[in-house]
Amino acid sequence: MTDPEFPGAPDQSTSHSPLECTACQAIDAFDGTVDGVLFGGGKYHVPNEKSAWQIVRRKQDEVADHVTNFAGSLKFVYLHSVWFFIWVLLNVGLVGSALKFDPFPFGLLTMIVSLEAIFLSTFVMVSQNRQAARSDLRAQLDFETNLRAEIWAIHIGAKLGIDHEHVEDIVRQAIESSDGTSAPKGL
C-alpha cells in the first residue's frame, strides 16, 4: 500500500514509538550517547550568532560597549558619589577656603556633569543601535536555519516515505519540552 501524499512511498500510517523510527534513533545517537533523549541542551550544533557578530564588530563599538557597561554599573555610581562629595567639601570651604575653585552653586560642576550626560547618552544610543543590528543578524540567522531545515526535512521525508503524523507528534513533543524541564513524552 502507498501513501497518497507521496505516490510510490510505502504507507507509514501505523503508530510507533519515537525510538523505533530510524530517524529518531539517528537523532538520539547524534551526541554519541543513545539515551532516549532527543531534544536536550547542547545536543546540536547550530550557527553561532556571537561568532558571526564578532566578524563585523569594530573597535569603536567595543569602546562604546565598555563605556556603556561601566556607566551602567554601581562602581560608576560610587565613583561619582565620592567625586561629588569631595567637590562639594572643597568648594564650600570645609577643607580650607584656599582650595575653593568652584563656589556655590557649582557652575563648573554643573557644566562637567552636563557634558558627561551628553556623551554618555550618545554612547548608550550607539550601543542600542549595535544591539538592534545584532538582533537583526540573529533573526536572519534563525530564519535561514529554519528555512534550510524545513527544505531539507521536506525533501528527506518525501524520499524516505516518513510518516508525517509521527514527525508532527515528535515536533509537538519537542516544542512542549523546549522549556528544558522535561524530555519529550514516550522517551
C-alpha atoms as a PDB file:
ATOM      1  CA  MET A   1       0.000   0.000   0.000  1.00  0.00           C
ATOM      2  CA  THR A   2       1.292   3.521  -0.781  1.00  0.00           C
ATOM      3  CA  ASP A   3       0.929   6.846   0.945  1.00  0.00           C
ATOM      4  CA  PRO A   4      -1.476   9.099  -1.037  1.00  0.00           C
ATOM      5  CA  GLU A   5       0.604  12.176  -0.192  1.00  0.00           C
ATOM      6  CA  PHE A   6       3.773  10.677  -1.688  1.00  0.00           C
ATOM      7  CA  PRO A   7       2.965   8.272  -4.569  1.00  0.00           C
ATOM      8  CA  GLY A   8       5.333   5.326  -4.624  1.00  0.00           C
ATOM      9  CA  ALA A   9       6.281   5.708  -0.937  1.00  0.00           C
ATOM     10  CA  PRO A  10       5.208   2.971   1.473  1.00  0.00           C
ATOM     11  CA  ASP A  11       2.255   3.660   3.791  1.00  0.00           C
ATOM     12  CA  GLN A  12       3.566   4.772   7.190  1.00  0.00           C
ATOM     13  CA  SER A  13       0.216   5.167   8.930  1.00  0.00           C
ATOM     14  CA  THR A  14       0.973   2.658  11.698  1.00  0.00           C
ATOM     15  CA  SER A  15       1.787   4.251  15.025  1.00  0.00           C
ATOM     16  CA  HIS A  16       5.179   3.565  16.592  1.00  0.00           C
ATOM     17  CA  SER A  17       7.306   4.988  19.383  1.00  0.00           C
ATOM     18  CA  PRO A  18       9.976   7.556  18.513  1.00  0.00           C
ATOM     19  CA  LEU A  19      12.909   5.205  19.133  1.00  0.00           C
ATOM     20  CA  GLU A  20      11.555   2.655  16.658  1.00  0.00           C
ATOM     21  CA  CYS A  21      11.908   5.297  13.965  1.00  0.00           C
ATOM     22  CA  THR A  22      15.303   5.185  12.220  1.00  0.00           C
ATOM     23  CA  ALA A  23      15.471   8.983  12.008  1.00  0.00           C
ATOM     24  CA  CYS A  24      14.755   9.363  15.741  1.00  0.00           C
ATOM     25  CA  GLN A  25      17.428   6.763  16.548  1.00  0.00           C
ATOM     26  CA  ALA A  26      19.887   8.782  14.473  1.00  0.00           C
ATOM     27  CA  ILE A  27      18.918  11.995  16.285  1.00  0.00           C
ATOM     28  CA  ASP A  28      19.308  10.228  19.643  1.00  0.00           C
ATOM     29  CA  ALA A  29      22.747   8.853  18.733  1.00  0.00           C
ATOM     30  CA  PHE A  30      23.965  12.202  17.334  1.00  0.00           C
ATOM     31  CA  ASP A  31      25.505  13.261  20.649  1.00  0.00           C
ATOM     32  CA  GLY A  32      27.391   9.966  20.992  1.00  0.00           C
ATOM     33  CA  THR A  33      25.054   8.610  23.677  1.00  0.00           C
ATOM     34  CA  VAL A  34      21.991   6.541  22.926  1.00  0.00           C
ATOM     35  CA  ASP A  35      19.926   7.588  25.925  1.00  0.00           C
ATOM     36  CA  GLY A  36      16.415   8.110  24.559  1.00  0.00           C
ATOM     37  CA  VAL A  37      16.736  11.904  24.880  1.00  0.00           C
ATOM     38  CA  LEU A  38      16.186  13.539  21.516  1.00  0.00           C
ATOM     39  CA  PHE A  39      15.941  17.205  22.440  1.00  0.00           C
ATOM     40  CA  GLY A  40      18.452  18.136  25.115  1.00  0.00           C
ATOM     41  CA  GLY A  41      20.506  21.236  25.708  1.00  0.00           C
ATOM     42  CA  GLY A  42      23.742  21.422  23.778  1.00  0.00           C
ATOM     43  CA  LYS A  43      22.877  18.385  21.667  1.00  0.00           C
ATOM     44  CA  TYR A  44      23.018  20.117  18.285  1.00  0.00           C
ATOM     45  CA  HIS A  45      25.462  22.462  16.617  1.00  0.00           C
ATOM     46  CA  VAL A  46      23.790  25.490  15.093  1.00  0.00           C
ATOM     47  CA  PRO A  47      25.342  28.647  13.616  1.00  0.00           C
ATOM     48  CA  ASN A  48      26.554  30.879  16.420  1.00  0.00           C
ATOM     49  CA  GLU A  49      25.298  34.441  16.216  1.00  0.00           C
ATOM     50  CA  LYS A  50      28.058  35.621  18.584  1.00  0.00           C
ATOM     51  CA  SER A  51      30.898  34.488  16.334  1.00  0.00           C
ATOM     52  CA  ALA A  52      29.175  35.968  13.271  1.00  0.00           C
ATOM     53  CA  TRP A  53      28.786  39.253  15.139  1.00  0.00           C
ATOM     54  CA  GLN A  54      32.479  39.358  16.130  1.00  0.00           C
ATOM     55  CA  ILE A  55      33.384  39.480  12.434  1.00  0.00           C
ATOM     56  CA  VAL A  56      31.570  42.792  11.863  1.00  0.00           C
ATOM     57  CA  ARG A  57      32.335  44.385  15.222  1.00  0.00           C
ATOM     58  CA  ARG A  58      34.574  47.447  15.115  1.00  0.00           C
ATOM     59  CA  LYS A  59      36.923  48.916  17.755  1.00  0.00           C
ATOM     60  CA  GLN A  60      34.675  51.955  18.274  1.00  0.00           C
ATOM     61  CA  ASP A  61      31.782  49.579  19.020  1.00  0.00           C
ATOM     62  CA  GLU A  62      33.876  47.873  21.685  1.00  0.00           C
ATOM     63  CA  VAL A  63      34.727  51.237  23.258  1.00  0.00           C
ATOM     64  CA  ALA A  64      31.051  52.270  23.251  1.00  0.00           C
ATOM     65  CA  ASP A  65      30.122  48.956  24.908  1.00  0.00           C
ATOM     66  CA  HIS A  66      32.790  49.320  27.588  1.00  0.00           C
ATOM     67  CA  VAL A  67      31.756  52.896  28.388  1.00  0.00           C
ATOM     68  CA  THR A  68      28.061  51.931  28.487  1.00  0.00           C
ATOM     69  CA  ASN A  69      28.758  48.907  30.678  1.00  0.00           C
ATOM     70  CA  PHE A  70      30.781  50.993  33.111  1.00  0.00           C
ATOM     71  CA  ALA A  71      28.213  53.808  33.170  1.00  0.00           C
ATOM     72  CA  GLY A  72      25.509  51.266  33.989  1.00  0.00           C
ATOM     73  CA  SER A  73      27.387  49.810  36.965  1.00  0.00           C
ATOM     74  CA  LEU A  74      27.305  50.547  40.668  1.00  0.00           C
ATOM     75  CA  LYS A  75      31.041  51.290  40.521  1.00  0.00           C
ATOM     76  CA  PHE A  76      30.108  54.294  38.355  1.00  0.00           C
ATOM     77  CA  VAL A  77      27.551  55.453  40.954  1.00  0.00           C
ATOM     78  CA  TYR A  78      30.009  55.052  43.852  1.00  0.00           C
ATOM     79  CA  LEU A  79      32.794  56.844  41.979  1.00  0.00           C
ATOM     80  CA  HIS A  80      30.520  59.780  41.167  1.00  0.00           C
ATOM     81  CA  SER A  81      29.181  59.946  44.725  1.00  0.00           C
ATOM     82  CA  VAL A  82      32.723  60.213  46.091  1.00  0.00           C
ATOM     83  CA  TRP A  83      33.673  62.716  43.381  1.00  0.00           C
ATOM     84  CA  PHE A  84      30.646  64.975  44.106  1.00  0.00           C
ATOM     85  CA  PHE A  85      31.189  64.707  47.865  1.00  0.00           C
ATOM     86  CA  ILE A  86      34.848  65.773  47.568  1.00  0.00           C
ATOM     87  CA  TRP A  87      33.930  68.544  45.090  1.00  0.00           C
ATOM     88  CA  VAL A  88      31.326  69.966  47.463  1.00  0.00           C
ATOM     89  CA  LEU A  89      33.662  69.685  50.513  1.00  0.00           C
ATOM     90  CA  LEU A  90      36.397  71.547  48.676  1.00  0.00           C
ATOM     91  CA  ASN A  91      34.127  74.270  47.295  1.00  0.00           C
ATOM     92  CA  VAL A  92      32.107  75.052  50.402  1.00  0.00           C
ATOM     93  CA  GLY A  93      35.328  75.692  52.299  1.00  0.00           C
ATOM     94  CA  LEU A  94      35.169  72.799  54.793  1.00  0.00           C
ATOM     95  CA  VAL A  95      38.717  71.713  53.865  1.00  0.00           C
ATOM     96  CA  GLY A  96      40.050  75.243  53.556  1.00  0.00           C
ATOM     97  CA  SER A  97      38.961  78.393  51.795  1.00  0.00           C
ATOM     98  CA  ALA A  98      42.169  78.475  49.716  1.00  0.00           C
ATOM     99  CA  LEU A  99      41.083  75.299  47.903  1.00  0.00           C
ATOM    100  CA  LYS A 100      37.810  76.796  46.577  1.00  0.00           C
ATOM    101  CA  PHE A 101      37.758  76.837  42.786  1.00  0.00           C
ATOM    102  CA  ASP A 102      34.007  76.457  42.008  1.00  0.00           C
ATOM    103  CA  PRO A 103      31.907  78.390  44.539  1.00  0.00           C
ATOM    104  CA  PHE A 104      28.258  77.599  45.212  1.00  0.00           C
ATOM    105  CA  PRO A 105      26.068  76.972  43.046  1.00  0.00           C
ATOM    106  CA  PHE A 106      28.898  74.934  41.458  1.00  0.00           C
ATOM    107  CA  GLY A 107      28.636  76.138  37.849  1.00  0.00           C
ATOM    108  CA  LEU A 108      31.758  74.268  36.717  1.00  0.00           C
ATOM    109  CA  LEU A 109      30.487  71.002  38.239  1.00  0.00           C
ATOM    110  CA  THR A 110      27.124  71.514  36.543  1.00  0.00           C
ATOM    111  CA  MET A 111      28.798  72.070  33.170  1.00  0.00           C
ATOM    112  CA  ILE A 112      31.053  68.985  33.554  1.00  0.00           C
ATOM    113  CA  VAL A 113      28.129  66.768  34.586  1.00  0.00           C
ATOM    114  CA  SER A 114      26.041  68.088  31.679  1.00  0.00           C
ATOM    115  CA  LEU A 115      28.793  67.321  29.183  1.00  0.00           C
ATOM    116  CA  GLU A 116      29.232  63.881  30.712  1.00  0.00           C
ATOM    117  CA  ALA A 117      25.491  63.249  30.347  1.00  0.00           C
ATOM    118  CA  ILE A 118      25.603  64.251  26.686  1.00  0.00           C
ATOM    119  CA  PHE A 119      28.467  61.884  25.925  1.00  0.00           C
ATOM    120  CA  LEU A 120      27.020  59.028  27.994  1.00  0.00           C
ATOM    121  CA  SER A 121      23.653  59.311  26.270  1.00  0.00           C
ATOM    122  CA  THR A 122      25.438  59.177  22.907  1.00  0.00           C
ATOM    123  CA  PHE A 123      27.345  56.043  23.947  1.00  0.00           C
ATOM    124  CA  VAL A 124      24.115  54.448  25.146  1.00  0.00           C
ATOM    125  CA  MET A 125      22.437  55.187  21.801  1.00  0.00           C
ATOM    126  CA  VAL A 126      25.413  53.758  19.879  1.00  0.00           C
ATOM    127  CA  SER A 127      25.249  50.588  21.985  1.00  0.00           C
ATOM    128  CA  GLN A 128      21.497  50.311  21.496  1.00  0.00           C
ATOM    129  CA  ASN A 129      21.913  50.663  17.732  1.00  0.00           C
ATOM    130  CA  ARG A 130      24.555  47.936  17.810  1.00  0.00           C
ATOM    131  CA  GLN A 131      22.281  45.666  19.842  1.00  0.00           C
ATOM    132  CA  ALA A 132      19.473  46.248  17.340  1.00  0.00           C
ATOM    133  CA  ALA A 133      21.811  45.337  14.467  1.00  0.00           C
ATOM    134  CA  ARG A 134      22.906  42.238  16.384  1.00  0.00           C
ATOM    135  CA  SER A 135      19.285  41.294  16.961  1.00  0.00           C
ATOM    136  CA  ASP A 136      18.604  41.685  13.232  1.00  0.00           C
ATOM    137  CA  LEU A 137      21.566  39.416  12.463  1.00  0.00           C
ATOM    138  CA  ARG A 138      20.284  36.851  14.967  1.00  0.00           C
ATOM    139  CA  ALA A 139      16.816  36.930  13.400  1.00  0.00           C
ATOM    140  CA  GLN A 140      18.276  36.499   9.903  1.00  0.00           C
ATOM    141  CA  LEU A 141      20.395  33.525  11.033  1.00  0.00           C
ATOM    142  CA  ASP A 142      17.346  31.978  12.711  1.00  0.00           C
ATOM    143  CA  PHE A 143      15.288  32.444   9.562  1.00  0.00           C
ATOM    144  CA  GLU A 144      17.964  30.926   7.334  1.00  0.00           C
ATOM    145  CA  THR A 145      18.444  27.962   9.672  1.00  0.00           C
ATOM    146  CA  ASN A 146      14.711  27.331   9.900  1.00  0.00           C
ATOM    147  CA  LEU A 147      14.227  27.635   6.159  1.00  0.00           C
ATOM    148  CA  ARG A 148      17.162  25.328   5.436  1.00  0.00           C
ATOM    149  CA  ALA A 149      15.892  22.756   7.936  1.00  0.00           C
ATOM    150  CA  GLU A 150      12.355  22.891   6.551  1.00  0.00           C
ATOM    151  CA  ILE A 151      13.507  22.396   2.969  1.00  0.00           C
ATOM    152  CA  TRP A 152      15.782  19.509   3.938  1.00  0.00           C
ATOM    153  CA  ALA A 153      13.072  17.912   6.045  1.00  0.00           C
ATOM    154  CA  ILE A 154      10.532  18.082   3.253  1.00  0.00           C
ATOM    155  CA  HIS A 155      12.919  16.542   0.727  1.00  0.00           C
ATOM    156  CA  ILE A 156      14.257  13.836   3.006  1.00  0.00           C
ATOM    157  CA  GLY A 157      10.810  12.949   4.308  1.00  0.00           C
ATOM    158  CA  ALA A 158       9.439  12.660   0.793  1.00  0.00           C
ATOM    159  CA  LYS A 159      12.330  10.447  -0.325  1.00  0.00           C
ATOM    160  CA  LEU A 160      12.143   8.185   2.730  1.00  0.00           C
ATOM    161  CA  GLY A 161       8.382   7.989   2.932  1.00  0.00           C
ATOM    162  CA  ILE A 162       8.413   9.135   6.565  1.00  0.00           C
ATOM    163  CA  ASP A 163       5.093   9.117   8.414  1.00  0.00           C
ATOM    164  CA  HIS A 164       4.043  12.779   8.504  1.00  0.00           C
ATOM    165  CA  GLU A 165       1.878  12.347  11.616  1.00  0.00           C
ATOM    166  CA  HIS A 166       4.737  10.701  13.515  1.00  0.00           C
ATOM    167  CA  VAL A 167       7.030  13.596  12.660  1.00  0.00           C
ATOM    168  CA  GLU A 168       4.422  16.155  13.732  1.00  0.00           C
ATOM    169  CA  ASP A 169       3.943  14.272  17.038  1.00  0.00           C
ATOM    170  CA  ILE A 170       7.696  14.446  17.686  1.00  0.00           C
ATOM    171  CA  VAL A 171       7.708  18.164  16.790  1.00  0.00           C
ATOM    172  CA  ARG A 172       4.849  18.840  19.220  1.00  0.00           C
ATOM    173  CA  GLN A 173       6.711  16.932  21.936  1.00  0.00           C
ATOM    174  CA  ALA A 174       9.883  18.885  21.262  1.00  0.00           C
ATOM    175  CA  ILE A 175       8.011  22.186  21.457  1.00  0.00           C
ATOM    176  CA  GLU A 176       6.321  21.179  24.705  1.00  0.00           C
ATOM    177  CA  SER A 177       9.651  20.177  26.236  1.00  0.00           C
ATOM    178  CA  SER A 178      11.581  23.155  24.856  1.00  0.00           C
ATOM    179  CA  ASP A 179      11.482  24.884  28.228  1.00  0.00           C
ATOM    180  CA  GLY A 180      14.194  22.409  29.238  1.00  0.00           C
ATOM    181  CA  THR A 181      12.361  20.985  32.239  1.00  0.00           C
ATOM    182  CA  SER A 182      11.357  17.616  30.767  1.00  0.00           C
ATOM    183  CA  ALA A 183      12.089  15.177  27.986  1.00  0.00           C
ATOM    184  CA  PRO A 184       9.561  14.519  25.221  1.00  0.00           C
ATOM    185  CA  LYS A 185       6.739  12.147  26.087  1.00  0.00           C
ATOM    186  CA  GLY A 186       7.290   8.482  25.356  1.00  0.00           C
ATOM    187  CA  LEU A 187      11.051   8.608  25.903  1.00  0.00           C
END
